PDB file of N, CA and C in Angstrom:
ATOM      1  N   MET A   1     -55.452  85.755  95.558  1.00  0.00           N
ATOM      2  CA  MET A   1     -56.602  85.860  94.774  1.00  0.00           C
ATOM      3  C   MET A   1     -56.616  84.845  93.621  1.00  0.00           C
ATOM      4  N   ASN A   2     -55.449  84.613  93.025  1.00  0.00           N
ATOM      5  CA  ASN A   2     -55.401  83.610  91.932  1.00  0.00           C
ATOM      6  C   ASN A   2     -55.569  82.316  92.532  1.00  0.00           C
ATOM      7  N   GLU A   3     -55.013  82.010  93.743  1.00  0.00           N
ATOM      8  CA  GLU A   3     -55.218  80.750  94.448  1.00  0.00           C
ATOM      9  C   GLU A   3     -56.714  80.487  94.694  1.00  0.00           C
ATOM     10  N   GLU A   4     -57.351  81.476  95.179  1.00  0.00           N
ATOM     11  CA  GLU A   4     -58.809  81.320  95.464  1.00  0.00           C
ATOM     12  C   GLU A   4     -59.678  80.954  94.315  1.00  0.00           C
ATOM     13  N   ARG A   5     -59.212  81.734  93.145  1.00  0.00           N
ATOM     14  CA  ARG A   5     -59.955  81.305  91.837  1.00  0.00           C
ATOM     15  C   ARG A   5     -59.639  79.933  91.422  1.00  0.00           C
ATOM     16  N   LYS A   6     -58.550  79.369  91.629  1.00  0.00           N
ATOM     17  CA  LYS A   6     -58.055  78.098  91.207  1.00  0.00           C
ATOM     18  C   LYS A   6     -58.859  77.114  92.027  1.00  0.00           C
ATOM     19  N   ASN A   7     -58.910  77.369  93.377  1.00  0.00           N
ATOM     20  CA  ASN A   7     -59.830  76.460  94.181  1.00  0.00           C
ATOM     21  C   ASN A   7     -61.214  76.338  93.779  1.00  0.00           C
ATOM     22  N   LEU A   8     -61.731  77.563  93.494  1.00  0.00           N
ATOM     23  CA  LEU A   8     -63.120  77.696  93.041  1.00  0.00           C
ATOM     24  C   LEU A   8     -63.357  76.984  91.867  1.00  0.00           C
ATOM     25  N   LYS A   9     -62.471  76.998  90.875  1.00  0.00           N
ATOM     26  CA  LYS A   9     -62.710  76.276  89.559  1.00  0.00           C
ATOM     27  C   LYS A   9     -62.597  74.740  89.779  1.00  0.00           C
ATOM     28  N   GLU A  10     -61.765  74.335  90.691  1.00  0.00           N
ATOM     29  CA  GLU A  10     -61.494  72.913  90.993  1.00  0.00           C
ATOM     30  C   GLU A  10     -62.826  72.423  91.671  1.00  0.00           C
ATOM     31  N   GLN A  11     -63.391  73.255  92.569  1.00  0.00           N
ATOM     32  CA  GLN A  11     -64.623  72.746  93.256  1.00  0.00           C
ATOM     33  C   GLN A  11     -65.759  72.647  92.237  1.00  0.00           C
ATOM     34  N   LEU A  12     -65.912  73.709  91.322  1.00  0.00           N
ATOM     35  CA  LEU A  12     -66.855  73.626  90.384  1.00  0.00           C
ATOM     36  C   LEU A  12     -66.688  72.477  89.419  1.00  0.00           C
ATOM     37  N   ALA A  13     -65.539  72.082  89.078  1.00  0.00           N
ATOM     38  CA  ALA A  13     -65.267  71.020  88.188  1.00  0.00           C
ATOM     39  C   ALA A  13     -65.409  69.580  88.939  1.00  0.00           C
ATOM     40  N   GLY A  14     -65.420  69.684  90.214  1.00  0.00           N
ATOM     41  CA  GLY A  14     -65.633  68.511  90.895  1.00  0.00           C
ATOM     42  C   GLY A  14     -64.490  67.504  91.209  1.00  0.00           C
ATOM     43  N   ILE A  15     -63.411  67.855  90.610  1.00  0.00           N
ATOM     44  CA  ILE A  15     -62.205  67.084  90.861  1.00  0.00           C
ATOM     45  C   ILE A  15     -61.085  67.947  91.516  1.00  0.00           C
ATOM     46  N   ALA A  16     -60.745  67.580  92.791  1.00  0.00           N
ATOM     47  CA  ALA A  16     -59.662  68.211  93.474  1.00  0.00           C
ATOM     48  C   ALA A  16     -58.514  67.415  93.250  1.00  0.00           C
ATOM     49  N   PRO A  17     -57.347  68.046  92.981  1.00  0.00           N
ATOM     50  CA  PRO A  17     -55.976  67.276  92.786  1.00  0.00           C
ATOM     51  C   PRO A  17     -55.422  66.864  94.109  1.00  0.00           C
ATOM     52  N   PRO A  18     -54.739  65.827  94.135  1.00  0.00           N
ATOM     53  CA  PRO A  18     -53.997  65.407  95.338  1.00  0.00           C
ATOM     54  C   PRO A  18     -53.039  66.512  95.777  1.00  0.00           C
ATOM     55  N   GLU A  19     -52.865  66.731  97.013  1.00  0.00           N
ATOM     56  CA  GLU A  19     -51.969  67.795  97.581  1.00  0.00           C
ATOM     57  C   GLU A  19     -50.592  67.601  97.302  1.00  0.00           C
ATOM     58  N   LYS A  20     -50.010  66.456  97.167  1.00  0.00           N
ATOM     59  CA  LYS A  20     -48.603  66.256  97.051  1.00  0.00           C
ATOM     60  C   LYS A  20     -48.165  65.973  95.661  1.00  0.00           C
ATOM     61  N   LEU A  21     -48.454  66.988  94.869  1.00  0.00           N
ATOM     62  CA  LEU A  21     -47.899  66.802  93.382  1.00  0.00           C
ATOM     63  C   LEU A  21     -46.917  67.867  93.179  1.00  0.00           C
ATOM     64  N   THR A  22     -45.949  67.482  92.386  1.00  0.00           N
ATOM     65  CA  THR A  22     -44.936  68.464  92.058  1.00  0.00           C
ATOM     66  C   THR A  22     -45.572  69.535  90.961  1.00  0.00           C
ATOM     67  N   LYS A  23     -44.730  70.591  90.705  1.00  0.00           N
ATOM     68  CA  LYS A  23     -45.297  71.567  89.861  1.00  0.00           C
ATOM     69  C   LYS A  23     -45.594  70.957  88.468  1.00  0.00           C
ATOM     70  N   LYS A  24     -44.757  70.154  88.020  1.00  0.00           N
ATOM     71  CA  LYS A  24     -44.812  69.503  86.651  1.00  0.00           C
ATOM     72  C   LYS A  24     -45.978  68.577  86.624  1.00  0.00           C
ATOM     73  N   GLN A  25     -46.194  67.739  87.782  1.00  0.00           N
ATOM     74  CA  GLN A  25     -47.305  66.838  87.788  1.00  0.00           C
ATOM     75  C   GLN A  25     -48.589  67.495  87.841  1.00  0.00           C
ATOM     76  N   ARG A  26     -48.599  68.652  88.594  1.00  0.00           N
ATOM     77  CA  ARG A  26     -49.875  69.636  88.687  1.00  0.00           C
ATOM     78  C   ARG A  26     -50.254  70.075  87.452  1.00  0.00           C
ATOM     79  N   LYS A  27     -49.343  70.535  86.674  1.00  0.00           N
ATOM     80  CA  LYS A  27     -49.614  71.153  85.268  1.00  0.00           C
ATOM     81  C   LYS A  27     -50.151  70.024  84.336  1.00  0.00           C
ATOM     82  N   LEU A  28     -49.556  68.786  84.467  1.00  0.00           N
ATOM     83  CA  LEU A  28     -50.053  67.664  83.696  1.00  0.00           C
ATOM     84  C   LEU A  28     -51.443  67.281  84.158  1.00  0.00           C
ATOM     85  N   TRP A  29     -51.716  67.353  85.414  1.00  0.00           N
ATOM     86  CA  TRP A  29     -53.067  66.942  86.061  1.00  0.00           C
ATOM     87  C   TRP A  29     -54.076  67.943  85.511  1.00  0.00           C
ATOM     88  N   ASP A  30     -53.803  69.213  85.663  1.00  0.00           N
ATOM     89  CA  ASP A  30     -54.737  70.319  85.122  1.00  0.00           C
ATOM     90  C   ASP A  30     -54.992  70.081  83.634  1.00  0.00           C
ATOM     91  N   TYR A  31     -54.022  69.824  82.906  1.00  0.00           N
ATOM     92  CA  TYR A  31     -54.303  69.749  81.542  1.00  0.00           C
ATOM     93  C   TYR A  31     -55.179  68.484  81.155  1.00  0.00           C
ATOM     94  N   MET A  32     -54.737  67.375  81.713  1.00  0.00           N
ATOM     95  CA  MET A  32     -55.520  66.068  81.525  1.00  0.00           C
ATOM     96  C   MET A  32     -56.907  66.091  81.927  1.00  0.00           C
ATOM     97  N   ARG A  33     -57.154  66.780  83.080  1.00  0.00           N
ATOM     98  CA  ARG A  33     -58.469  66.867  83.575  1.00  0.00           C
ATOM     99  C   ARG A  33     -59.418  67.611  82.704  1.00  0.00           C
ATOM    100  N   LEU A  34     -58.772  68.703  82.163  1.00  0.00           N
ATOM    101  CA  LEU A  34     -59.653  69.475  81.255  1.00  0.00           C
ATOM    102  C   LEU A  34     -59.744  68.925  79.761  1.00  0.00           C
ATOM    103  N   HIS A  35     -58.805  68.125  79.444  1.00  0.00           N
ATOM    104  CA  HIS A  35     -58.706  67.711  78.053  1.00  0.00           C
ATOM    105  C   HIS A  35     -58.579  66.123  78.085  1.00  0.00           C
ATOM    106  N   PRO A  36     -59.356  65.389  78.495  1.00  0.00           N
ATOM    107  CA  PRO A  36     -59.186  63.913  78.602  1.00  0.00           C
ATOM    108  C   PRO A  36     -59.111  63.171  77.261  1.00  0.00           C
ATOM    109  N   GLU A  37     -59.480  63.862  76.184  1.00  0.00           N
ATOM    110  CA  GLU A  37     -59.467  63.167  74.854  1.00  0.00           C
ATOM    111  C   GLU A  37     -58.118  63.197  74.219  1.00  0.00           C
ATOM    112  N   VAL A  38     -57.208  64.018  74.703  1.00  0.00           N
ATOM    113  CA  VAL A  38     -55.857  64.136  74.212  1.00  0.00           C
ATOM    114  C   VAL A  38     -55.042  63.032  74.947  1.00  0.00           C
ATOM    115  N   THR A  39     -54.522  62.143  74.179  1.00  0.00           N
ATOM    116  CA  THR A  39     -53.574  61.070  74.776  1.00  0.00           C
ATOM    117  C   THR A  39     -52.171  60.963  74.207  1.00  0.00           C
ATOM    118  N   GLU A  40     -51.860  61.776  73.124  1.00  0.00           N
ATOM    119  CA  GLU A  40     -50.473  61.676  72.656  1.00  0.00           C
ATOM    120  C   GLU A  40     -49.551  62.473  73.450  1.00  0.00           C
ATOM    121  N   PHE A  41     -48.453  61.816  73.821  1.00  0.00           N
ATOM    122  CA  PHE A  41     -47.418  62.449  74.793  1.00  0.00           C
ATOM    123  C   PHE A  41     -46.956  63.821  74.106  1.00  0.00           C
ATOM    124  N   SER A  42     -46.717  63.795  72.895  1.00  0.00           N
ATOM    125  CA  SER A  42     -46.005  65.015  72.093  1.00  0.00           C
ATOM    126  C   SER A  42     -46.999  66.201  72.219  1.00  0.00           C
ATOM    127  N   THR A  43     -48.336  65.829  71.925  1.00  0.00           N
ATOM    128  CA  THR A  43     -49.312  66.972  71.985  1.00  0.00           C
ATOM    129  C   THR A  43     -49.527  67.556  73.435  1.00  0.00           C
ATOM    130  N   ILE A  44     -49.581  66.670  74.333  1.00  0.00           N
ATOM    131  CA  ILE A  44     -49.670  67.150  75.745  1.00  0.00           C
ATOM    132  C   ILE A  44     -48.421  67.867  76.102  1.00  0.00           C
ATOM    133  N   ALA A  45     -47.317  67.469  75.750  1.00  0.00           N
ATOM    134  CA  ALA A  45     -46.052  68.180  76.002  1.00  0.00           C
ATOM    135  C   ALA A  45     -46.027  69.556  75.471  1.00  0.00           C
ATOM    136  N   LYS A  46     -46.358  69.670  74.119  1.00  0.00           N
ATOM    137  CA  LYS A  46     -46.407  71.036  73.589  1.00  0.00           C
ATOM    138  C   LYS A  46     -47.371  72.005  74.157  1.00  0.00           C
ATOM    139  N   ARG A  47     -48.523  71.487  74.540  1.00  0.00           N
ATOM    140  CA  ARG A  47     -49.591  72.426  75.058  1.00  0.00           C
ATOM    141  C   ARG A  47     -49.412  72.774  76.573  1.00  0.00           C
ATOM    142  N   THR A  48     -48.569  71.910  77.261  1.00  0.00           N
ATOM    143  CA  THR A  48     -48.398  72.194  78.659  1.00  0.00           C
ATOM    144  C   THR A  48     -46.957  72.792  78.881  1.00  0.00           C
ATOM    145  N   GLY A  49     -46.153  72.754  77.907  1.00  0.00           N
ATOM    146  CA  GLY A  49     -44.723  73.273  78.060  1.00  0.00           C
ATOM    147  C   GLY A  49     -43.840  72.362  78.691  1.00  0.00           C
ATOM    148  N   LEU A  50     -44.225  71.167  78.970  1.00  0.00           N
ATOM    149  CA  LEU A  50     -43.436  70.179  79.472  1.00  0.00           C
ATOM    150  C   LEU A  50     -42.578  69.398  78.569  1.00  0.00           C
ATOM    151  N   ALA A  51     -41.586  68.635  78.965  1.00  0.00           N
ATOM    152  CA  ALA A  51     -40.779  67.817  77.986  1.00  0.00           C
ATOM    153  C   ALA A  51     -41.633  66.532  77.780  1.00  0.00           C
ATOM    154  N   ARG A  52     -41.422  65.961  76.625  1.00  0.00           N
ATOM    155  CA  ARG A  52     -42.209  64.744  76.264  1.00  0.00           C
ATOM    156  C   ARG A  52     -41.870  63.650  77.248  1.00  0.00           C
ATOM    157  N   ASN A  53     -40.596  63.534  77.572  1.00  0.00           N
ATOM    158  CA  ASN A  53     -40.086  62.509  78.435  1.00  0.00           C
ATOM    159  C   ASN A  53     -40.841  62.598  79.871  1.00  0.00           C
ATOM    160  N   THR A  54     -41.014  63.946  80.406  1.00  0.00           N
ATOM    161  CA  THR A  54     -41.659  64.219  81.626  1.00  0.00           C
ATOM    162  C   THR A  54     -43.189  63.698  81.552  1.00  0.00           C
ATOM    163  N   VAL A  55     -43.778  63.976  80.472  1.00  0.00           N
ATOM    164  CA  VAL A  55     -45.175  63.636  80.242  1.00  0.00           C
ATOM    165  C   VAL A  55     -45.278  62.121  80.234  1.00  0.00           C
ATOM    166  N   LYS A  56     -44.315  61.453  79.508  1.00  0.00           N
ATOM    167  CA  LYS A  56     -44.378  60.035  79.523  1.00  0.00           C
ATOM    168  C   LYS A  56     -44.096  59.355  80.932  1.00  0.00           C
ATOM    169  N   LYS A  57     -43.235  59.967  81.594  1.00  0.00           N
ATOM    170  CA  LYS A  57     -42.976  59.506  83.037  1.00  0.00           C
ATOM    171  C   LYS A  57     -44.222  59.568  83.914  1.00  0.00           C
ATOM    172  N   HIS A  58     -44.990  60.633  83.875  1.00  0.00           N
ATOM    173  CA  HIS A  58     -46.063  60.833  84.820  1.00  0.00           C
ATOM    174  C   HIS A  58     -47.383  60.469  84.269  1.00  0.00           C
ATOM    175  N   TYR A  59     -47.466  60.282  83.079  1.00  0.00           N
ATOM    176  CA  TYR A  59     -48.812  60.009  82.393  1.00  0.00           C
ATOM    177  C   TYR A  59     -49.680  58.926  83.000  1.00  0.00           C
ATOM    178  N   LYS A  60     -49.160  57.790  83.216  1.00  0.00           N
ATOM    179  CA  LYS A  60     -49.923  56.640  83.710  1.00  0.00           C
ATOM    180  C   LYS A  60     -50.358  56.845  85.112  1.00  0.00           C
ATOM    181  N   VAL A  61     -49.481  57.552  85.960  1.00  0.00           N
ATOM    182  CA  VAL A  61     -49.876  57.823  87.388  1.00  0.00           C
ATOM    183  C   VAL A  61     -51.081  58.730  87.376  1.00  0.00           C
ATOM    184  N   ILE A  62     -51.019  59.778  86.541  1.00  0.00           N
ATOM    185  CA  ILE A  62     -51.970  60.766  86.467  1.00  0.00           C
ATOM    186  C   ILE A  62     -53.262  60.245  85.938  1.00  0.00           C
ATOM    187  N   VAL A  63     -53.279  59.510  85.031  1.00  0.00           N
ATOM    188  CA  VAL A  63     -54.446  58.794  84.499  1.00  0.00           C
ATOM    189  C   VAL A  63     -55.176  57.992  85.548  1.00  0.00           C
ATOM    190  N   ASN A  64     -54.406  57.229  86.295  1.00  0.00           N
ATOM    191  CA  ASN A  64     -54.988  56.354  87.345  1.00  0.00           C
ATOM    192  C   ASN A  64     -55.624  57.247  88.489  1.00  0.00           C
ATOM    193  N   MET A  65     -54.956  58.327  88.806  1.00  0.00           N
ATOM    194  CA  MET A  65     -55.545  59.137  89.808  1.00  0.00           C
ATOM    195  C   MET A  65     -56.873  59.803  89.301  1.00  0.00           C
ATOM    196  N   LEU A  66     -56.902  60.243  88.076  1.00  0.00           N
ATOM    197  CA  LEU A  66     -58.136  60.920  87.465  1.00  0.00           C
ATOM    198  C   LEU A  66     -59.190  59.830  87.576  1.00  0.00           C
ATOM    199  N   LYS A  67     -58.891  58.645  87.040  1.00  0.00           N
ATOM    200  CA  LYS A  67     -59.966  57.534  87.018  1.00  0.00           C
ATOM    201  C   LYS A  67     -60.464  57.189  88.402  1.00  0.00           C
ATOM    202  N   ARG A  68     -59.599  57.198  89.436  1.00  0.00           N
ATOM    203  CA  ARG A  68     -59.938  56.917  90.818  1.00  0.00           C
ATOM    204  C   ARG A  68     -60.854  58.017  91.239  1.00  0.00           C
ATOM    205  N   ASN A  69     -60.505  59.310  91.070  1.00  0.00           N
ATOM    206  CA  ASN A  69     -61.334  60.393  91.476  1.00  0.00           C
ATOM    207  C   ASN A  69     -62.690  60.304  90.750  1.00  0.00           C
ATOM    208  N   ILE A  70     -62.789  60.089  89.562  1.00  0.00           N
ATOM    209  CA  ILE A  70     -64.037  60.037  88.893  1.00  0.00           C
ATOM    210  C   ILE A  70     -64.878  58.939  89.370  1.00  0.00           C
ATOM    211  N   SER A  71     -64.349  57.764  89.619  1.00  0.00           N
ATOM    212  CA  SER A  71     -65.168  56.644  90.319  1.00  0.00           C
ATOM    213  C   SER A  71     -65.698  56.904  91.646  1.00  0.00           C
ATOM    214  N   LEU A  72     -64.869  57.613  92.367  1.00  0.00           N
ATOM    215  CA  LEU A  72     -65.329  57.975  93.714  1.00  0.00           C
ATOM    216  C   LEU A  72     -66.561  58.942  93.612  1.00  0.00           C
ATOM    217  N   GLU A  73     -66.523  59.845  92.803  1.00  0.00           N
ATOM    218  CA  GLU A  73     -67.597  60.876  92.600  1.00  0.00           C
ATOM    219  C   GLU A  73     -68.854  60.126  92.168  1.00  0.00           C
ATOM    220  N   LEU A  74     -68.676  59.068  91.248  1.00  0.00           N
ATOM    221  CA  LEU A  74     -69.866  58.394  90.854  1.00  0.00           C
ATOM    222  C   LEU A  74     -70.585  57.517  92.033  1.00  0.00           C
ATOM    223  N   GLU A  75     -69.750  57.162  92.834  1.00  0.00           N
ATOM    224  CA  GLU A  75     -70.272  56.335  94.103  1.00  0.00           C
ATOM    225  C   GLU A  75     -71.020  57.267  94.994  1.00  0.00           C
ATOM    226  N   ASP A  76     -70.712  58.391  95.080  1.00  0.00           N
ATOM    227  CA  ASP A  76     -71.457  59.377  96.047  1.00  0.00           C
ATOM    228  C   ASP A  76     -72.806  59.772  95.584  1.00  0.00           C
TER     229      ASP A  76
END
């Protein structure tokens, strides 16, 4: 049931995450998709429950994926 809700929310948001994300990357993806204005590693780490070094490690990749998804939506 929760998985269905999550998929529905993602469809409504218009941005589906890549399927091959780790749990930590998925958590970071979800937070950054909903709060794009937050860019400080320490703030993201506190709000997601991840370590700051983990956020720093995956931040650039997640930002690029989000930008790519948004640009693909604009083309459609």
